[in-house]
Amino acid sequence: MDMYQLRNFKDFLLLYNQISETCFKRCANTFLTREITANEDLCISNCAQKYIRANHKIMEVFMEVQPIMVRKRMEEISATQAALEAQAQDQQVQNQQVQQNSQ
C-alpha cells in the first residue's frame, strides 16, 4: 500500500469514527436495554446518511474548485517568478552600469 492509499484510508477511518461518534451521541439516549431501539436505529441511519450526503457534496464542490485553485496558484507562481527574473535582470543592468562608470 503506497503512501497515498494509506493517507486516504487514514482519512476515511477518521471520518468514519467522527460520524459514528457524532451519531451515537445524538441518537443513543437510553441504555435500558442491550438492543438498539427502532427509534435509535432510524436516528442513526438518518444521521449517517446526512453526513455521507454532505461529504459527497463537499467532495463534488472540491473537485470542481480544485483545478481552478491549482491554475490560479500556478499563475501566481509564474507571475512571482517573472517578477524575480525581471528584478534580477534590472540588478544585473545596474551592476554593469556601475562597473562601466567606475572604469
PDB file of N, CA and C in Angstrom:
ATOM      1  N   MET A   1       0.857  -1.171   0.000  1.00  0.00           N
ATOM      2  CA  MET A   1       0.000   0.000   0.000  1.00  0.00           C
ATOM      3  C   MET A   1       0.905   1.237   0.000  1.00  0.00           C
ATOM      4  N   ASP A   2       0.748   2.091  -0.997  1.00  0.00           N
ATOM      5  CA  ASP A   2       1.601   3.269  -1.067  1.00  0.00           C
ATOM      6  C   ASP A   2       1.116   4.352  -0.108  1.00  0.00           C
ATOM      7  N   MET A   3       1.881   5.407   0.008  1.00  0.00           N
ATOM      8  CA  MET A   3       1.588   6.470   0.973  1.00  0.00           C
ATOM      9  C   MET A   3       0.257   7.168   0.670  1.00  0.00           C
ATOM     10  N   TYR A   4      -0.060   7.330  -0.609  1.00  0.00           N
ATOM     11  CA  TYR A   4      -1.310   7.989  -0.997  1.00  0.00           C
ATOM     12  C   TYR A   4      -2.512   7.165  -0.541  1.00  0.00           C
ATOM     13  N   GLN A   5      -2.472   5.859  -0.787  1.00  0.00           N
ATOM     14  CA  GLN A   5      -3.564   4.981  -0.368  1.00  0.00           C
ATOM     15  C   GLN A   5      -3.671   4.930   1.152  1.00  0.00           C
ATOM     16  N   LEU A   6      -2.546   4.894   1.809  1.00  0.00           N
ATOM     17  CA  LEU A   6      -2.524   4.851   3.264  1.00  0.00           C
ATOM     18  C   LEU A   6      -3.128   6.126   3.854  1.00  0.00           C
ATOM     19  N   ARG A   7      -2.783   7.274   3.266  1.00  0.00           N
ATOM     20  CA  ARG A   7      -3.343   8.547   3.734  1.00  0.00           C
ATOM     21  C   ARG A   7      -4.852   8.581   3.505  1.00  0.00           C
ATOM     22  N   ASN A   8      -5.304   8.120   2.331  1.00  0.00           N
ATOM     23  CA  ASN A   8      -6.740   8.087   2.044  1.00  0.00           C
ATOM     24  C   ASN A   8      -7.480   7.179   3.015  1.00  0.00           C
ATOM     25  N   PHE A   9      -6.896   6.021   3.308  1.00  0.00           N
ATOM     26  CA  PHE A   9      -7.516   5.080   4.238  1.00  0.00           C
ATOM     27  C   PHE A   9      -7.582   5.685   5.640  1.00  0.00           C
ATOM     28  N   LYS A  10      -6.517   6.357   6.051  1.00  0.00           N
ATOM     29  CA  LYS A  10      -6.496   7.013   7.357  1.00  0.00           C
ATOM     30  C   LYS A  10      -7.567   8.099   7.416  1.00  0.00           C
ATOM     31  N   ASP A  11      -7.686   8.899   6.359  1.00  0.00           N
ATOM     32  CA  ASP A  11      -8.715   9.945   6.304  1.00  0.00           C
ATOM     33  C   ASP A  11     -10.115   9.345   6.367  1.00  0.00           C
ATOM     34  N   PHE A  12     -10.319   8.229   5.651  1.00  0.00           N
ATOM     35  CA  PHE A  12     -11.617   7.554   5.673  1.00  0.00           C
ATOM     36  C   PHE A  12     -11.953   7.077   7.080  1.00  0.00           C
ATOM     37  N   LEU A  13     -11.002   6.451   7.747  1.00  0.00           N
ATOM     38  CA  LEU A  13     -11.250   5.947   9.104  1.00  0.00           C
ATOM     39  C   LEU A  13     -11.512   7.091  10.075  1.00  0.00           C
ATOM     40  N   LEU A  14     -10.806   8.177   9.923  1.00  0.00           N
ATOM     41  CA  LEU A  14     -11.032   9.326  10.792  1.00  0.00           C
ATOM     42  C   LEU A  14     -12.446   9.868  10.589  1.00  0.00           C
ATOM     43  N   LEU A  15     -12.866  10.018   9.348  1.00  0.00           N
ATOM     44  CA  LEU A  15     -14.212  10.495   9.052  1.00  0.00           C
ATOM     45  C   LEU A  15     -15.262   9.514   9.571  1.00  0.00           C
ATOM     46  N   TYR A  16     -15.049   8.221   9.355  1.00  0.00           N
ATOM     47  CA  TYR A  16     -15.976   7.192   9.828  1.00  0.00           C
ATOM     48  C   TYR A  16     -16.123   7.269  11.353  1.00  0.00           C
ATOM     49  N   ASN A  17     -15.010   7.402  12.048  1.00  0.00           N
ATOM     50  CA  ASN A  17     -15.054   7.474  13.511  1.00  0.00           C
ATOM     51  C   ASN A  17     -15.762   8.746  13.982  1.00  0.00           C
ATOM     52  N   GLN A  18     -15.534   9.854  13.302  1.00  0.00           N
ATOM     53  CA  GLN A  18     -16.205  11.099  13.682  1.00  0.00           C
ATOM     54  C   GLN A  18     -17.711  10.988  13.477  1.00  0.00           C
ATOM     55  N   ILE A  19     -18.133  10.428  12.352  1.00  0.00           N
ATOM     56  CA  ILE A  19     -19.559  10.255  12.089  1.00  0.00           C
ATOM     57  C   ILE A  19     -20.173   9.309  13.117  1.00  0.00           C
ATOM     58  N   SER A  20     -19.490   8.201  13.380  1.00  0.00           N
ATOM     59  CA  SER A  20     -20.006   7.234  14.358  1.00  0.00           C
ATOM     60  C   SER A  20     -20.185   7.871  15.731  1.00  0.00           C
ATOM     61  N   GLU A  21     -19.190   8.610  16.167  1.00  0.00           N
ATOM     62  CA  GLU A  21     -19.260   9.233  17.488  1.00  0.00           C
ATOM     63  C   GLU A  21     -20.358  10.294  17.544  1.00  0.00           C
ATOM     64  N   THR A  22     -20.442  11.119  16.513  1.00  0.00           N
ATOM     65  CA  THR A  22     -21.457  12.167  16.486  1.00  0.00           C
ATOM     66  C   THR A  22     -22.864  11.578  16.496  1.00  0.00           C
ATOM     67  N   CYS A  23     -23.094  10.588  15.637  1.00  0.00           N
ATOM     68  CA  CYS A  23     -24.421   9.983  15.554  1.00  0.00           C
ATOM     69  C   CYS A  23     -24.765   9.207  16.822  1.00  0.00           C
ATOM     70  N   PHE A  24     -23.776   8.552  17.424  1.00  0.00           N
ATOM     71  CA  PHE A  24     -24.030   7.833  18.668  1.00  0.00           C
ATOM     72  C   PHE A  24     -24.441   8.803  19.773  1.00  0.00           C
ATOM     73  N   LYS A  25     -23.695   9.907  19.892  1.00  0.00           N
ATOM     74  CA  LYS A  25     -24.020  10.890  20.929  1.00  0.00           C
ATOM     75  C   LYS A  25     -25.398  11.496  20.711  1.00  0.00           C
ATOM     76  N   ARG A  26     -25.762  11.694  19.445  1.00  0.00           N
ATOM     77  CA  ARG A  26     -27.046  12.315  19.138  1.00  0.00           C
ATOM     78  C   ARG A  26     -28.205  11.337  19.308  1.00  0.00           C
ATOM     79  N   CYS A  27     -28.003  10.071  18.996  1.00  0.00           N
ATOM     80  CA  CYS A  27     -29.125   9.138  18.876  1.00  0.00           C
ATOM     81  C   CYS A  27     -29.272   8.144  20.030  1.00  0.00           C
ATOM     82  N   ALA A  28     -28.211   7.816  20.717  1.00  0.00           N
ATOM     83  CA  ALA A  28     -28.305   6.835  21.800  1.00  0.00           C
ATOM     84  C   ALA A  28     -28.618   7.566  23.103  1.00  0.00           C
ATOM     85  N   ASN A  29     -29.910   7.600  23.460  1.00  0.00           N
ATOM     86  CA  ASN A  29     -30.304   8.360  24.635  1.00  0.00           C
ATOM     87  C   ASN A  29     -30.583   7.466  25.837  1.00  0.00           C
ATOM     88  N   THR A  30     -31.020   6.267  25.610  1.00  0.00           N
ATOM     89  CA  THR A  30     -31.328   5.391  26.748  1.00  0.00           C
ATOM     90  C   THR A  30     -30.453   4.147  26.671  1.00  0.00           C
ATOM     91  N   PHE A  31     -30.049   3.691  27.824  1.00  0.00           N
ATOM     92  CA  PHE A  31     -29.240   2.483  27.896  1.00  0.00           C
ATOM     93  C   PHE A  31     -29.944   1.455  28.773  1.00  0.00           C
ATOM     94  N   LEU A  32     -31.296   1.385  28.624  1.00  0.00           N
ATOM     95  CA  LEU A  32     -32.072   0.472  29.437  1.00  0.00           C
ATOM     96  C   LEU A  32     -32.015  -0.953  28.905  1.00  0.00           C
ATOM     97  N   THR A  33     -31.742  -1.116  27.602  1.00  0.00           N
ATOM     98  CA  THR A  33     -31.652  -2.458  27.024  1.00  0.00           C
ATOM     99  C   THR A  33     -30.348  -2.579  26.259  1.00  0.00           C
ATOM    100  N   ARG A  34     -29.983  -3.806  25.982  1.00  0.00           N
ATOM    101  CA  ARG A  34     -28.763  -4.060  25.222  1.00  0.00           C
ATOM    102  C   ARG A  34     -28.976  -3.819  23.737  1.00  0.00           C
ATOM    103  N   GLU A  35     -30.202  -3.950  23.303  1.00  0.00           N
ATOM    104  CA  GLU A  35     -30.516  -3.813  21.882  1.00  0.00           C
ATOM    105  C   GLU A  35     -30.762  -2.348  21.528  1.00  0.00           C
ATOM    106  N   ILE A  36     -30.551  -2.058  20.262  1.00  0.00           N
ATOM    107  CA  ILE A  36     -30.840  -0.723  19.754  1.00  0.00           C
ATOM    108  C   ILE A  36     -32.335  -0.662  19.479  1.00  0.00           C
ATOM    109  N   THR A  37     -32.953   0.412  19.940  1.00  0.00           N
ATOM    110  CA  THR A  37     -34.390   0.559  19.702  1.00  0.00           C
ATOM    111  C   THR A  37     -34.630   0.973  18.252  1.00  0.00           C
ATOM    112  N   ALA A  38     -35.868   0.843  17.814  1.00  0.00           N
ATOM    113  CA  ALA A  38     -36.220   1.218  16.439  1.00  0.00           C
ATOM    114  C   ALA A  38     -35.975   2.709  16.212  1.00  0.00           C
ATOM    115  N   ASN A  39     -36.297   3.524  17.204  1.00  0.00           N
ATOM    116  CA  ASN A  39     -36.069   4.966  17.084  1.00  0.00           C
ATOM    117  C   ASN A  39     -34.578   5.294  16.982  1.00  0.00           C
ATOM    118  N   GLU A  40     -33.782   4.616  17.797  1.00  0.00           N
ATOM    119  CA  GLU A  40     -32.335   4.836  17.743  1.00  0.00           C
ATOM    120  C   GLU A  40     -31.771   4.381  16.406  1.00  0.00           C
ATOM    121  N   ASP A  41     -32.253   3.246  15.920  1.00  0.00           N
ATOM    122  CA  ASP A  41     -31.794   2.725  14.632  1.00  0.00           C
ATOM    123  C   ASP A  41     -32.118   3.699  13.506  1.00  0.00           C
ATOM    124  N   LEU A  42     -33.326   4.215  13.501  1.00  0.00           N
ATOM    125  CA  LEU A  42     -33.739   5.182  12.485  1.00  0.00           C
ATOM    126  C   LEU A  42     -32.927   6.470  12.601  1.00  0.00           C
ATOM    127  N   CYS A  43     -32.739   6.940  13.815  1.00  0.00           N
ATOM    128  CA  CYS A  43     -31.965   8.164  14.045  1.00  0.00           C
ATOM    129  C   CYS A  43     -30.529   8.004  13.547  1.00  0.00           C
ATOM    130  N   ILE A  44     -29.903   6.884  13.877  1.00  0.00           N
ATOM    131  CA  ILE A  44     -28.520   6.633  13.458  1.00  0.00           C
ATOM    132  C   ILE A  44     -28.438   6.545  11.938  1.00  0.00           C
ATOM    133  N   SER A  45     -29.387   5.868  11.331  1.00  0.00           N
ATOM    134  CA  SER A  45     -29.409   5.756   9.866  1.00  0.00           C
ATOM    135  C   SER A  45     -29.541   7.123   9.209  1.00  0.00           C
ATOM    136  N   ASN A  46     -30.492   7.926   9.696  1.00  0.00           N
ATOM    137  CA  ASN A  46     -30.684   9.270   9.138  1.00  0.00           C
ATOM    138  C   ASN A  46     -29.460  10.149   9.364  1.00  0.00           C
ATOM    139  N   CYS A  47     -28.890  10.061  10.537  1.00  0.00           N
ATOM    140  CA  CYS A  47     -27.715  10.863  10.875  1.00  0.00           C
ATOM    141  C   CYS A  47     -26.536  10.511   9.962  1.00  0.00           C
ATOM    142  N   ALA A  48     -26.270   9.223   9.827  1.00  0.00           N
ATOM    143  CA  ALA A  48     -25.150   8.786   8.985  1.00  0.00           C
ATOM    144  C   ALA A  48     -25.377   9.190   7.527  1.00  0.00           C
ATOM    145  N   GLN A  49     -26.603   9.017   7.031  1.00  0.00           N
ATOM    146  CA  GLN A  49     -26.908   9.396   5.651  1.00  0.00           C
ATOM    147  C   GLN A  49     -26.711  10.888   5.423  1.00  0.00           C
ATOM    148  N   LYS A  50     -27.097  11.672   6.411  1.00  0.00           N
ATOM    149  CA  LYS A  50     -26.928  13.129   6.304  1.00  0.00           C
ATOM    150  C   LYS A  50     -25.449  13.474   6.141  1.00  0.00           C
ATOM    151  N   TYR A  51     -24.586  12.886   6.972  1.00  0.00           N
ATOM    152  CA  TYR A  51     -23.162  13.169   6.899  1.00  0.00           C
ATOM    153  C   TYR A  51     -22.549  12.641   5.610  1.00  0.00           C
ATOM    154  N   ILE A  52     -23.015  11.483   5.157  1.00  0.00           N
ATOM    155  CA  ILE A  52     -22.491  10.917   3.915  1.00  0.00           C
ATOM    156  C   ILE A  52     -22.865  11.803   2.729  1.00  0.00           C
ATOM    157  N   ARG A  53     -24.131  12.250   2.676  1.00  0.00           N
ATOM    158  CA  ARG A  53     -24.558  13.149   1.589  1.00  0.00           C
ATOM    159  C   ARG A  53     -23.783  14.464   1.628  1.00  0.00           C
ATOM    160  N   ALA A  54     -23.596  14.993   2.825  1.00  0.00           N
ATOM    161  CA  ALA A  54     -22.846  16.249   2.958  1.00  0.00           C
ATOM    162  C   ALA A  54     -21.408  16.057   2.492  1.00  0.00           C
ATOM    163  N   ASN A  55     -20.806  14.945   2.863  1.00  0.00           N
ATOM    164  CA  ASN A  55     -19.430  14.666   2.455  1.00  0.00           C
ATOM    165  C   ASN A  55     -19.338  14.546   0.936  1.00  0.00           C
ATOM    166  N   HIS A  56     -20.294  13.862   0.314  1.00  0.00           N
ATOM    167  CA  HIS A  56     -20.293  13.722  -1.142  1.00  0.00           C
ATOM    168  C   HIS A  56     -20.426  15.087  -1.818  1.00  0.00           C
ATOM    169  N   LYS A  57     -21.290  15.927  -1.284  1.00  0.00           N
ATOM    170  CA  LYS A  57     -21.483  17.263  -1.858  1.00  0.00           C
ATOM    171  C   LYS A  57     -20.211  18.091  -1.733  1.00  0.00           C
ATOM    172  N   ILE A  58     -19.577  18.026  -0.578  1.00  0.00           N
ATOM    173  CA  ILE A  58     -18.323  18.750  -0.369  1.00  0.00           C
ATOM    174  C   ILE A  58     -17.264  18.270  -1.350  1.00  0.00           C
ATOM    175  N   MET A  59     -17.181  16.958  -1.554  1.00  0.00           N
ATOM    176  CA  MET A  59     -16.194  16.419  -2.494  1.00  0.00           C
ATOM    177  C   MET A  59     -16.500  16.849  -3.927  1.00  0.00           C
ATOM    178  N   GLU A  60     -17.780  16.917  -4.292  1.00  0.00           N
ATOM    179  CA  GLU A  60     -18.148  17.382  -5.635  1.00  0.00           C
ATOM    180  C   GLU A  60     -17.678  18.814  -5.845  1.00  0.00           C
ATOM    181  N   VAL A  61     -17.952  19.657  -4.878  1.00  0.00           N
ATOM    182  CA  VAL A  61     -17.552  21.062  -4.987  1.00  0.00           C
ATOM    183  C   VAL A  61     -16.028  21.167  -5.014  1.00  0.00           C
ATOM    184  N   PHE A  62     -15.361  20.397  -4.173  1.00  0.00           N
ATOM    185  CA  PHE A  62     -13.902  20.409  -4.149  1.00  0.00           C
ATOM    186  C   PHE A  62     -13.327  20.008  -5.502  1.00  0.00           C
ATOM    187  N   MET A  63     -13.900  18.975  -6.107  1.00  0.00           N
ATOM    188  CA  MET A  63     -13.391  18.514  -7.407  1.00  0.00           C
ATOM    189  C   MET A  63     -13.623  19.563  -8.495  1.00  0.00           C
ATOM    190  N   GLU A  64     -14.665  20.386  -8.358  1.00  0.00           N
ATOM    191  CA  GLU A  64     -14.904  21.462  -9.310  1.00  0.00           C
ATOM    192  C   GLU A  64     -13.950  22.634  -9.079  1.00  0.00           C
ATOM    193  N   VAL A  65     -13.702  22.947  -7.823  1.00  0.00           N
ATOM    194  CA  VAL A  65     -12.937  24.138  -7.470  1.00  0.00           C
ATOM    195  C   VAL A  65     -11.426  23.890  -7.494  1.00  0.00           C
ATOM    196  N   GLN A  66     -10.998  22.686  -7.200  1.00  0.00           N
ATOM    197  CA  GLN A  66      -9.575  22.399  -7.087  1.00  0.00           C
ATOM    198  C   GLN A  66      -8.786  22.743  -8.354  1.00  0.00           C
ATOM    199  N   PRO A  67      -9.231  22.359  -9.554  1.00  0.00           N
ATOM    200  CA  PRO A  67      -8.451  22.737 -10.740  1.00  0.00           C
ATOM    201  C   PRO A  67      -8.321  24.256 -10.911  1.00  0.00           C
ATOM    202  N   ILE A  68      -9.361  24.982 -10.536  1.00  0.00           N
ATOM    203  CA  ILE A  68      -9.311  26.447 -10.619  1.00  0.00           C
ATOM    204  C   ILE A  68      -8.275  26.986  -9.634  1.00  0.00           C
ATOM    205  N   MET A  69      -8.277  26.434  -8.429  1.00  0.00           N
ATOM    206  CA  MET A  69      -7.315  26.875  -7.416  1.00  0.00           C
ATOM    207  C   MET A  69      -5.881  26.557  -7.853  1.00  0.00           C
ATOM    208  N   VAL A  70      -5.680  25.379  -8.411  1.00  0.00           N
ATOM    209  CA  VAL A  70      -4.344  24.992  -8.879  1.00  0.00           C
ATOM    210  C   VAL A  70      -3.896  25.920 -10.004  1.00  0.00           C
ATOM    211  N   ARG A  71      -4.796  26.214 -10.935  1.00  0.00           N
ATOM    212  CA  ARG A  71      -4.445  27.095 -12.054  1.00  0.00           C
ATOM    213  C   ARG A  71      -4.077  28.486 -11.543  1.00  0.00           C
ATOM    214  N   LYS A  72      -4.868  29.022 -10.605  1.00  0.00           N
ATOM    215  CA  LYS A  72      -4.568  30.337 -10.042  1.00  0.00           C
ATOM    216  C   LYS A  72      -3.224  30.328  -9.320  1.00  0.00           C
ATOM    217  N   ARG A  73      -2.975  29.270  -8.580  1.00  0.00           N
ATOM    218  CA  ARG A  73      -1.695  29.164  -7.859  1.00  0.00           C
ATOM    219  C   ARG A  73      -0.536  29.113  -8.837  1.00  0.00           C
ATOM    220  N   MET A  74      -0.691  28.382  -9.928  1.00  0.00           N
ATOM    221  CA  MET A  74       0.364  28.312 -10.942  1.00  0.00           C
ATOM    222  C   MET A  74       0.581  29.678 -11.587  1.00  0.00           C
ATOM    223  N   GLU A  75      -0.494  30.420 -11.834  1.00  0.00           N
ATOM    224  CA  GLU A  75      -0.374  31.767 -12.387  1.00  0.00           C
ATOM    225  C   GLU A  75       0.357  32.688 -11.414  1.00  0.00           C
ATOM    226  N   GLU A  76       0.045  32.568 -10.127  1.00  0.00           N
ATOM    227  CA  GLU A  76       0.726  33.376  -9.112  1.00  0.00           C
ATOM    228  C   GLU A  76       2.213  33.047  -9.070  1.00  0.00           C
ATOM    229  N   ILE A  77       2.526  31.765  -9.141  1.00  0.00           N
ATOM    230  CA  ILE A  77       3.933  31.344  -9.121  1.00  0.00           C
ATOM    231  C   ILE A  77       4.650  31.867 -10.354  1.00  0.00           C
ATOM    232  N   SER A  78       4.012  31.778 -11.508  1.00  0.00           N
ATOM    233  CA  SER A  78       4.619  32.276 -12.746  1.00  0.00           C
ATOM    234  C   SER A  78       4.839  33.781 -12.678  1.00  0.00           C
ATOM    235  N   ALA A  79       3.854  34.516 -12.156  1.00  0.00           N
ATOM    236  CA  ALA A  79       3.986  35.966 -12.030  1.00  0.00           C
ATOM    237  C   ALA A  79       5.114  36.329 -11.066  1.00  0.00           C
ATOM    238  N   THR A  80       5.194  35.610  -9.966  1.00  0.00           N
ATOM    239  CA  THR A  80       6.256  35.857  -8.991  1.00  0.00           C
ATOM    240  C   THR A  80       7.618  35.553  -9.596  1.00  0.00           C
ATOM    241  N   GLN A  81       7.690  34.462 -10.319  1.00  0.00           N
ATOM    242  CA  GLN A  81       8.948  34.077 -10.954  1.00  0.00           C
ATOM    243  C   GLN A  81       9.350  35.115 -12.005  1.00  0.00           C
ATOM    244  N   ALA A  82       8.403  35.587 -12.790  1.00  0.00           N
ATOM    245  CA  ALA A  82       8.699  36.606 -13.802  1.00  0.00           C
ATOM    246  C   ALA A  82       9.163  37.898 -13.136  1.00  0.00           C
ATOM    247  N   ALA A  83       8.541  38.273 -12.031  1.00  0.00           N
ATOM    248  CA  ALA A  83       8.944  39.483 -11.310  1.00  0.00           C
ATOM    249  C   ALA A  83      10.353  39.335 -10.751  1.00  0.00           C
ATOM    250  N   LEU A  84      10.658  38.160 -10.214  1.00  0.00           N
ATOM    251  CA  LEU A  84      12.007  37.927  -9.683  1.00  0.00           C
ATOM    252  C   LEU A  84      13.049  37.950 -10.793  1.00  0.00           C
ATOM    253  N   GLU A  85      12.711  37.375 -11.943  1.00  0.00           N
ATOM    254  CA  GLU A  85      13.641  37.387 -13.071  1.00  0.00           C
ATOM    255  C   GLU A  85      13.860  38.809 -13.575  1.00  0.00           C
ATOM    256  N   ALA A  86      12.794  39.604 -13.636  1.00  0.00           N
ATOM    257  CA  ALA A  86      12.915  40.998 -14.061  1.00  0.00           C
ATOM    258  C   ALA A  86      13.758  41.792 -13.065  1.00  0.00           C
ATOM    259  N   GLN A  87      13.541  41.536 -11.788  1.00  0.00           N
ATOM    260  CA  GLN A  87      14.319  42.209 -10.753  1.00  0.00           C
ATOM    261  C   GLN A  87      15.791  41.832 -10.857  1.00  0.00           C
ATOM    262  N   ALA A  88      16.066  40.558 -11.076  1.00  0.00           N
ATOM    263  CA  ALA A  88      17.452  40.105 -11.221  1.00  0.00           C
ATOM    264  C   ALA A  88      18.086  40.726 -12.457  1.00  0.00           C
ATOM    265  N   GLN A  89      17.344  40.827 -13.534  1.00  0.00           N
ATOM    266  CA  GLN A  89      17.863  41.424 -14.759  1.00  0.00           C
ATOM    267  C   GLN A  89      18.142  42.918 -14.546  1.00  0.00           C
ATOM    268  N   ASP A  90      17.243  43.606 -13.857  1.00  0.00           N
ATOM    269  CA  ASP A  90      17.466  45.023 -13.543  1.00  0.00           C
ATOM    270  C   ASP A  90      18.709  45.199 -12.682  1.00  0.00           C
ATOM    271  N   GLN A  91      18.872  44.321 -11.716  1.00  0.00           N
ATOM    272  CA  GLN A  91      20.043  44.379 -10.843  1.00  0.00           C
ATOM    273  C   GLN A  91      21.309  44.150 -11.647  1.00  0.00           C
ATOM    274  N   GLN A  92      21.256  43.224 -12.590  1.00  0.00           N
ATOM    275  CA  GLN A  92      22.418  42.935 -13.425  1.00  0.00           C
ATOM    276  C   GLN A  92      22.760  44.146 -14.295  1.00  0.00           C
ATOM    277  N   VAL A  93      21.757  44.805 -14.848  1.00  0.00           N
ATOM    278  CA  VAL A  93      21.981  46.001 -15.665  1.00  0.00           C
ATOM    279  C   VAL A  93      22.596  47.103 -14.807  1.00  0.00           C
ATOM    280  N   GLN A  94      22.083  47.280 -13.589  1.00  0.00           N
ATOM    281  CA  GLN A  94      22.630  48.303 -12.690  1.00  0.00           C
ATOM    282  C   GLN A  94      24.074  48.001 -12.341  1.00  0.00           C
ATOM    283  N   ASN A  95      24.376  46.744 -12.092  1.00  0.00           N
ATOM    284  CA  ASN A  95      25.761  46.362 -11.772  1.00  0.00           C
ATOM    285  C   ASN A  95      26.688  46.634 -12.947  1.00  0.00           C
ATOM    286  N   GLN A  96      26.223  46.373 -14.167  1.00  0.00           N
ATOM    287  CA  GLN A  96      27.027  46.627 -15.361  1.00  0.00           C
ATOM    288  C   GLN A  96      27.268  48.128 -15.520  1.00  0.00           C
ATOM    289  N   GLN A  97      26.244  48.945 -15.246  1.00  0.00           N
ATOM    290  CA  GLN A  97      26.394  50.391 -15.354  1.00  0.00           C
ATOM    291  C   GLN A  97      27.367  50.905 -14.315  1.00  0.00           C
ATOM    292  N   VAL A  98      27.312  50.363 -13.102  1.00  0.00           N
ATOM    293  CA  VAL A  98      28.255  50.768 -12.061  1.00  0.00           C
ATOM    294  C   VAL A  98      29.686  50.403 -12.459  1.00  0.00           C
ATOM    295  N   GLN A  99      29.857  49.225 -13.026  1.00  0.00           N
ATOM    296  CA  GLN A  99      31.176  48.796 -13.466  1.00  0.00           C
ATOM    297  C   GLN A  99      31.706  49.694 -14.586  1.00  0.00           C
ATOM    298  N   GLN A 100      30.820  50.046 -15.518  1.00  0.00           N
ATOM    299  CA  GLN A 100      31.236  50.907 -16.623  1.00  0.00           C
ATOM    300  C   GLN A 100      31.589  52.313 -16.104  1.00  0.00           C
ATOM    301  N   ASN A 101      30.845  52.817 -15.146  1.00  0.00           N
ATOM    302  CA  ASN A 101      31.112  54.147 -14.608  1.00  0.00           C
ATOM    303  C   ASN A 101      32.400  54.172 -13.784  1.00  0.00           C
ATOM    304  N   SER A 102      32.733  53.076 -13.161  1.00  0.00           N
ATOM    305  CA  SER A 102      33.926  53.036 -12.347  1.00  0.00           C
ATOM    306  C   SER A 102      35.183  52.853 -13.191  1.00  0.00           C
ATOM    307  N   GLN A 103      35.058  52.485 -14.425  1.00  0.00           N
ATOM    308  CA  GLN A 103      36.239  52.293 -15.278  1.00  0.00           C
ATOM    309  C   GLN A 103      36.621  53.544 -15.914  1.00  0.00           C
TER     310      GLN A 103
END
